[in-house]
Each structure stands twice: as structure tokens, then as C-alpha cells.
Protein backbone atom coordinates (compact mmCIF):
# COMPACT_ATOMS: atom_id res chain seq x y z
CA MET A 1 41.08 67.18 92.72
CA LYS A 2 44.41 68.65 91.29
CA SER A 3 47.34 66.73 91.29
CA LEU A 4 50.50 68.27 92.84
CA PRO A 5 53.19 69.37 90.37
CA GLN A 6 55.75 66.81 89.82
CA GLU A 7 59.27 67.65 91.06
CA PRO A 8 61.55 67.96 88.00
CA ASP A 9 64.00 64.93 87.19
CA ARG A 10 67.49 65.48 88.68
CA PRO A 11 70.23 65.05 86.30
CA GLU A 12 72.39 61.74 86.47
CA PRO A 13 75.65 62.31 88.29
CA ASP A 14 78.36 62.47 85.98
CA PRO A 15 80.34 59.59 86.50
CA SER A 16 83.91 61.11 86.24
CA GLY A 17 82.95 63.31 89.27
CA PHE A 18 83.12 66.61 87.39
CA THR A 19 80.52 69.10 88.62
CA ARG A 20 80.20 73.12 88.63
CA ARG A 21 81.16 73.38 91.94
CA SER A 22 84.17 71.21 91.52
CA PHE A 23 85.14 73.42 88.51
CA LEU A 24 84.85 76.77 90.42
CA LYS A 25 87.00 75.62 93.42
CA GLY A 26 89.43 74.46 91.04
CA VAL A 27 89.41 77.86 89.07
CA GLY A 28 89.88 79.74 92.74
CA ALA A 29 92.50 77.24 93.80
CA GLY A 30 94.73 77.62 90.55
CA ALA A 31 94.38 81.76 90.76
CA LEU A 32 95.52 81.80 94.22
CA ALA A 33 98.46 79.41 93.48
CA ALA A 34 99.65 81.54 90.69
CA GLY A 35 99.26 84.58 92.63
CA ALA A 36 101.42 83.18 95.40
CA LEU A 37 103.86 82.02 92.82
CA GLY A 38 104.08 85.40 90.68
CA ALA A 39 104.23 87.53 93.76
CA PRO A 40 107.85 89.10 94.57
CA ARG A 41 109.20 88.01 98.06
CA VAL A 42 111.00 90.33 100.64
CA SER A 43 113.93 88.75 102.19
CA ALA A 44 114.27 88.15 105.92
CA LYS A 45 116.20 91.54 106.12
CA GLY A 46 113.60 93.36 104.48
CA ALA A 47 115.44 93.89 101.04
CA PRO A 48 113.32 93.53 97.96
CA GLN A 49 114.32 90.39 95.94
CA GLU A 50 114.80 90.66 92.32
CA ARG A 51 111.40 89.62 90.21
CA LYS A 52 111.48 88.01 86.76
CA ALA A 53 110.01 90.07 84.01
CA GLY A 54 106.17 89.70 83.76
CA ALA A 55 105.71 88.40 87.56
CA LEU A 56 102.84 89.65 89.53
CA LEU A 57 103.23 92.31 91.95
CA GLY A 58 101.99 92.09 95.37
CA PRO A 59 100.68 91.24 97.88
CA ASP A 60 104.10 91.19 99.60
CA PRO A 61 106.33 94.30 99.47
CA VAL A 62 108.12 95.09 96.22
CA PRO A 63 110.93 97.59 95.89
CA VAL A 64 109.61 101.24 95.14
CA LEU A 65 111.73 104.34 94.07
CA LEU A 66 110.51 107.77 94.65
CA GLU A 67 111.77 111.15 93.78
CA LEU A 68 110.56 113.19 97.04
CA ASN A 69 111.59 116.75 97.54
CA GLY A 70 114.77 116.64 95.25
CA LYS A 71 116.04 113.24 96.77
CA LYS A 72 115.82 109.58 96.13
CA VAL A 73 114.11 107.48 98.33
CA ALA A 74 113.69 103.82 97.99
CA LEU A 75 111.79 101.48 100.48
CA PRO A 76 109.81 98.12 100.15
CA LEU A 77 106.08 98.72 99.97
CA GLU A 78 102.99 96.59 99.15
CA PRO A 79 101.57 97.73 95.85
CA ARG A 80 98.25 98.67 97.68
CA VAL A 81 99.78 101.38 99.67
CA THR A 82 98.81 105.05 98.75
CA LEU A 83 101.26 107.75 98.51
CA ILE A 84 99.78 109.39 101.72
CA ASP A 85 100.38 106.35 103.76
CA ALA A 86 103.70 105.98 102.10
CA LEU A 87 104.71 109.54 103.39
CA ARG A 88 103.01 109.52 106.83
CA ASN A 89 103.54 105.98 108.07
CA HIS A 90 106.79 104.97 105.96
CA LEU A 91 108.86 108.15 105.72
CA ASP A 92 107.54 110.12 108.61
CA LEU A 93 106.51 112.99 106.45
CA THR A 94 103.47 114.26 108.29
CA GLY A 95 102.43 117.41 106.80
CA ALA A 96 100.02 115.82 104.49
CA LYS A 97 96.97 115.17 106.40
CA LYS A 98 94.78 112.11 105.88
CA VAL A 99 91.34 113.31 106.63
CA CYS A 100 88.62 112.03 104.21
CA ASP A 101 90.80 109.75 102.23
CA ARG A 102 88.55 109.95 99.22
CA ALA A 103 89.71 113.06 97.35
CA THR A 104 87.22 115.51 98.83
CA CYS A 105 88.87 117.58 101.35
CA GLY A 106 92.36 118.46 99.89
CA ALA A 107 94.22 118.00 103.19
CA CYS A 108 96.42 115.30 101.62
CA THR A 109 97.38 117.58 98.76
CA VAL A 110 101.12 117.39 97.36
CA LEU A 111 102.71 118.39 94.07
CA ILE A 112 103.33 115.80 91.60
CA ASP A 113 105.55 117.03 88.78
CA GLY A 114 104.54 120.58 89.86
CA LYS A 115 100.74 119.82 89.81
CA ALA A 116 98.47 119.64 92.81
CA ALA A 117 97.21 115.82 93.51
CA TYR A 118 95.41 113.95 96.34
CA ALA A 119 98.02 112.05 97.87
CA CYS A 120 95.15 109.56 99.14
CA THR A 121 94.21 108.54 95.32
CA VAL A 122 97.50 108.03 94.01
CA LEU A 123 99.37 104.68 94.80
CA ALA A 124 102.92 104.90 95.69
CA ILE A 125 104.10 102.62 93.27
CA GLU A 126 102.32 104.66 90.50
CA ALA A 127 104.36 107.88 91.72
CA GLN A 128 107.53 106.36 90.88
CA GLY A 129 109.60 108.19 88.16
CA ARG A 130 107.75 111.51 88.91
CA LYS A 131 108.82 114.61 91.11
CA ILE A 132 106.98 114.69 94.27
CA GLU A 133 106.95 117.68 96.44
CA THR A 134 105.29 118.06 100.02
CA VAL A 135 104.87 121.11 102.19
CA GLU A 136 108.25 119.86 103.96
CA GLY A 137 110.10 120.25 100.80
CA LEU A 138 108.76 124.05 100.23
CA ALA A 139 110.84 125.40 103.00
CA GLU A 140 114.03 127.43 101.69
CA ALA A 141 117.61 126.03 102.01
CA ASN A 142 118.43 128.10 105.03
CA GLY A 143 115.55 126.42 106.94
CA GLY A 144 113.17 129.39 106.48
CA LEU A 145 109.68 129.48 105.41
CA ALA A 146 108.76 129.50 101.59
CA LYS A 147 107.06 132.62 100.25
CA MET A 148 103.83 130.95 100.23
CA GLN A 149 104.22 129.84 103.54
CA ARG A 150 105.13 133.32 105.09
CA CYS A 151 102.02 134.95 103.15
CA PHE A 152 99.70 132.34 104.89
CA VAL A 153 101.16 133.48 108.34
CA GLU A 154 100.98 137.17 107.37
CA ASN A 155 97.45 136.96 106.32
CA ASP A 156 96.54 134.64 109.18
CA ALA A 157 95.26 132.04 106.67
CA GLN A 158 95.20 129.42 109.40
CA GLN A 159 93.37 128.62 112.35
CA CYS A 160 93.39 124.83 113.82
CA GLY A 161 95.77 124.53 110.90
CA PHE A 162 95.01 120.98 109.96
CA CYS A 163 93.82 121.70 106.24
CA THR A 164 96.71 124.30 106.12
CA PRO A 165 99.57 121.99 104.35
CA GLY A 166 97.23 120.87 101.66
CA PHE A 167 96.08 124.36 101.23
CA VAL A 168 99.68 125.74 100.89
CA MET A 169 100.68 123.05 98.32
CA ALA A 170 97.42 123.55 96.31
CA CYS A 171 98.29 127.31 96.41
CA GLU A 172 101.98 126.80 95.45
CA SER A 173 100.87 124.82 92.47
CA PHE A 174 98.26 127.63 91.54
CA ARG A 175 100.94 130.40 91.73
CA ARG A 176 103.10 128.68 89.50
CA ALA A 177 100.38 128.02 86.75
CA HIS A 178 98.88 131.46 86.95
CA PRO A 179 101.60 134.25 88.06
CA GLN A 180 99.02 136.89 87.15
CA ALA A 181 95.70 135.69 88.31
CA ALA A 182 92.90 137.68 89.91
CA ARG A 183 91.07 137.32 93.00
CA ALA A 184 88.21 135.33 91.09
CA GLU A 185 90.50 133.03 89.35
CA VAL A 186 92.16 132.24 92.87
CA VAL A 187 88.82 131.25 94.60
CA GLU A 188 88.08 129.11 91.55
CA GLY A 189 91.60 127.48 91.33
CA LEU A 190 91.30 126.48 95.03
CA GLY A 191 87.81 124.79 94.91
CA GLY A 192 89.34 121.53 95.64
CA ASN A 193 90.27 122.20 99.06
CA LEU A 194 88.22 122.56 102.21
CA CYS A 195 88.75 124.75 105.34
CA ARG A 196 86.14 123.88 108.16
CA CYS A 197 87.38 126.99 110.11
CA GLY A 198 86.56 129.22 107.06
CA THR A 199 89.95 130.92 106.66
CA TYR A 200 89.24 131.41 102.78
CA HIS A 201 89.71 135.21 102.72
CA GLY A 202 92.92 134.86 104.21
CA VAL A 203 94.02 132.00 101.72
CA THR A 204 92.72 134.01 98.96
CA GLN A 205 94.84 136.96 100.03
CA ALA A 206 98.16 134.90 100.67
CA VAL A 207 98.01 133.55 97.31
CA LEU A 208 97.51 137.14 95.79
CA ASP A 209 100.32 138.26 97.86
CA ALA A 210 102.70 135.60 96.69
CA ILE A 211 102.07 135.80 93.01
CA ALA A 212 103.75 138.53 90.87
CA GLY A 213 101.95 142.15 91.32
CA GLY A 214 99.33 140.39 93.64
CA LYS A 215 99.72 143.03 96.44
């Protein structure tokens, strides 16, 4: 008859009371304390307080300065806030739409330093020191529509209109970079934006009409 396997000897407890569990607990508590001490604070009035050099950012709001549509805008934001949320929820600029929130549809497209960018993938704090343009900023000084916006209207390049602001900004970025583009180049260049209504023909023609000699 086979004997049952012997249970391995348990290690004797450390007389000092130090264990792996207590070590991990101590490390976790220390990290939380360090983060809390290093995080910048906001006063009761909402004004960001000055933080020391090398201090950790967050989780509380920190001062963020954005150059938006030609104007400087300062506001306190948590470092985790994306640019699309800052625009819509903190600045009431609702042109850029938050749809997929994972850089696949292009509805949140804005221009950063003249190039099309998904606002849902950029942290607002990362956009500091860069020129940000939204669809609201394209309007001409007299309050009328910009050239690209007029071309969208003339070519019926929108139906429900939900994707239109992102398309307009992507088209504007493309027009600036490719002033002599052909139709095939326009179609390829706008591949990062989706229209569920299928107005791609109108969008393409709007770009061709907006660029030099495109009509």
C-alpha cells in the first residue's frame, strides 16, 4: 500500500515579522503617498497652485495653456483629460464630435500645427505650445463660412452632418498640403475619416473645388 505524499515543511515565520505580503503592502502604500505628496493642487477658487520643479502631475487638475483658434486659453485640467473632452466639456466647442473615441472614425479631427489629428488620442496637456484649429475657427472674420465649408454646402457633402466637422478639418489639412491634388489623391488622403451616410463623392468634389484649379 502506497503511503500518502508528505506535506512539505512550512518555513519558520520570520521573527522580525517581515513577509512578502507586508513588503508588497508597504511598497503600495509608499507609492500612493509619494503620488499624493507630489501631485499639484488646486485652490478652493479653482486657480491652479504653483508646483515645484520635478513634481508629479495629477491626479488633481493642473494649469494647461492652449493656443486655440489664434487665442490663448488657460484652464485647470486633470492630466488624463483628452483634447476632445477639453474642447467639448470645458470650452463648449462642440464642433468636433466624440464618436468612436479610439481613432477610427475621424469625427473628432482637428488641426494641430496645420496637420489633421484625432483629438480623442491627444491629451490636452500634450497640446500645449502647439497651434490648435477647430471647425469653429475656420469661419472667416466677417462671420461667414470658410472656402472649404462653402464647397461642402455647394456639393451637398453632408447628410446627417455628424461626421461633417471632422471631414471639413481633414479636407482643409489636405488642401493646404496638396494644392494641386488629383481625385485619386484626395480619395486616398481622406482615408482616415468615415461617413456612414456615404457622401464620399460630394466630399471629394468639395476638396477638388476648394483647391487651386480643382474645378
